[in-house]
Every structure is written in C-alpha cells, then in structure tokens.
C-alpha cells in the first residue's frame, strides 16, 4: 500500500505541469502522464481488494487515453500546419 501513497504524492506534480507549462505539447504529455498514474493507482487498488471490475475500468481508461492523445496530437499538428483539407 506504500506504493499507492507514493503515486498519490506525485499526482499534484503532474497537475502543476499541466497548468504551468507554456507549450501545448508539454500539456498533452502531462495529461498522458497523469492518466497513466491514475490507471496504475486503479490497478494497485484492484489488486489490493481483489476486484476484477476495477481492472476493466482501468483498461477502458487506458484505451480512452490512447485515443485522446492520438486524436488531439493529430488535430494540433494539422492546426499548426495552417488548416485541414478545407
């Protein structure tokens, strides 16, 4: 359970990184790191309480995070180029 408290202790650092970073790519990286740590915390809690449905939620959160990062980075790259196909 000590690992859980260590992970919870680092969460404010990622939130500060998201809020204070000057570049949008750093913010996107901070969001990705924050969501990975939340999923790791969910896995630790699921293994501690021996529940499988929390693991299912963690897998779903991981997939949603992956899709969010891919789509947002693609959107930001296209926006930086000067527009889309229109």
Protein backbone atom coordinates (compact mmCIF):
# COMPACT_ATOMS: atom_id res chain seq x y z
CA UNK A 1 0.00 0.00 0.00
CA UNK A 2 3.00 2.30 0.30
CA UNK A 3 3.24 2.38 -3.46
CA UNK A 4 -0.27 3.81 -3.60
CA UNK A 5 0.67 6.71 -1.34
CA UNK A 6 3.81 7.39 -3.36
CA UNK A 7 1.75 7.51 -6.55
CA UNK A 8 -0.80 9.81 -4.93
CA UNK A 9 2.03 12.08 -3.79
CA UNK A 10 3.23 12.62 -7.36
CA UNK A 11 -0.19 13.49 -8.81
CA UNK A 12 -0.01 17.21 -7.85
CA UNK A 13 3.30 17.50 -9.70
CA UNK A 14 1.66 16.34 -12.90
CA UNK A 15 -1.24 18.74 -12.38
CA UNK A 16 1.22 21.61 -11.90
CA UNK A 17 3.00 20.52 -15.09
CA UNK A 18 -0.28 20.63 -16.99
CA UNK A 19 -1.27 24.05 -15.68
CA UNK A 20 2.09 25.86 -15.79
CA UNK A 21 3.64 24.54 -19.00
CA UNK A 22 3.99 27.10 -21.79
CA UNK A 23 3.74 24.66 -24.69
CA UNK A 24 0.64 22.69 -25.70
CA UNK A 25 2.76 19.59 -26.35
CA UNK A 26 4.02 19.67 -22.75
CA UNK A 27 0.44 19.91 -21.53
CA UNK A 28 -0.53 16.95 -23.68
CA UNK A 29 2.37 14.97 -22.24
CA UNK A 30 1.32 15.97 -18.71
CA UNK A 31 -2.23 14.78 -19.35
CA UNK A 32 -0.90 11.48 -20.63
CA UNK A 33 1.36 11.03 -17.59
CA UNK A 34 -1.45 11.93 -15.22
CA UNK A 35 -3.82 9.42 -16.77
CA UNK A 36 -1.19 6.68 -16.71
CA UNK A 37 -0.59 7.27 -13.00
CA UNK A 38 -4.34 7.19 -12.32
CA UNK A 39 -4.59 3.87 -14.15
CA UNK A 40 -1.66 2.49 -12.15
CA UNK A 41 -3.40 3.59 -8.94
CA UNK A 42 -6.56 1.83 -10.11
CA UNK A 43 -4.59 -1.35 -10.77
CA UNK A 44 -2.99 -1.20 -7.31
CA UNK A 45 -6.39 -0.74 -5.67
CA UNK A 46 -7.87 -3.57 -7.75
CA UNK A 47 -5.11 -5.95 -6.75
CA UNK A 48 -5.38 -4.94 -3.10
CA UNK A 49 -9.14 -5.51 -2.92
CA UNK A 50 -9.05 -8.40 -5.45
CA UNK A 51 -11.77 -6.98 -7.68
CA UNK A 52 -11.77 -7.52 -11.41
CA UNK A 53 -14.24 -4.84 -12.45
CA UNK A 54 -11.78 -2.09 -11.46
CA UNK A 55 -9.27 -3.66 -13.83
CA UNK A 56 -11.87 -3.50 -16.61
CA UNK A 57 -12.38 0.19 -15.89
CA UNK A 58 -8.60 0.73 -15.91
CA UNK A 59 -8.31 -0.93 -19.32
CA UNK A 60 -11.12 1.23 -20.68
CA UNK A 61 -9.47 4.37 -19.28
CA UNK A 62 -6.17 3.40 -20.88
CA UNK A 63 -7.78 2.91 -24.27
CA UNK A 64 -9.66 6.22 -23.99
CA UNK A 65 -6.43 7.99 -23.05
CA UNK A 66 -4.63 6.49 -26.03
CA UNK A 67 -7.36 7.57 -28.45
CA UNK A 68 -7.49 11.05 -26.90
CA UNK A 69 -3.75 11.58 -27.24
CA UNK A 70 -3.67 10.33 -30.84
CA UNK A 71 -6.61 12.48 -31.96
CA UNK A 72 -5.54 15.60 -30.12
CA UNK A 73 -1.95 15.39 -31.39
CA UNK A 74 -3.22 14.88 -34.94
CA UNK A 75 -5.58 17.84 -34.58
CA UNK A 76 -2.86 20.07 -33.15
CA UNK A 77 -0.40 19.10 -35.88
CA UNK A 78 -2.94 19.89 -38.60
CA UNK A 79 -3.81 23.16 -36.90
CA UNK A 80 -0.14 24.12 -36.76
CA UNK A 81 0.25 23.45 -40.49
CA UNK A 82 -2.40 26.04 -41.22
CA UNK A 83 -5.63 24.19 -41.57
CA UNK A 84 -7.14 20.99 -42.69
CA UNK A 85 -8.39 19.85 -46.07
CA UNK A 86 -10.93 22.65 -46.46
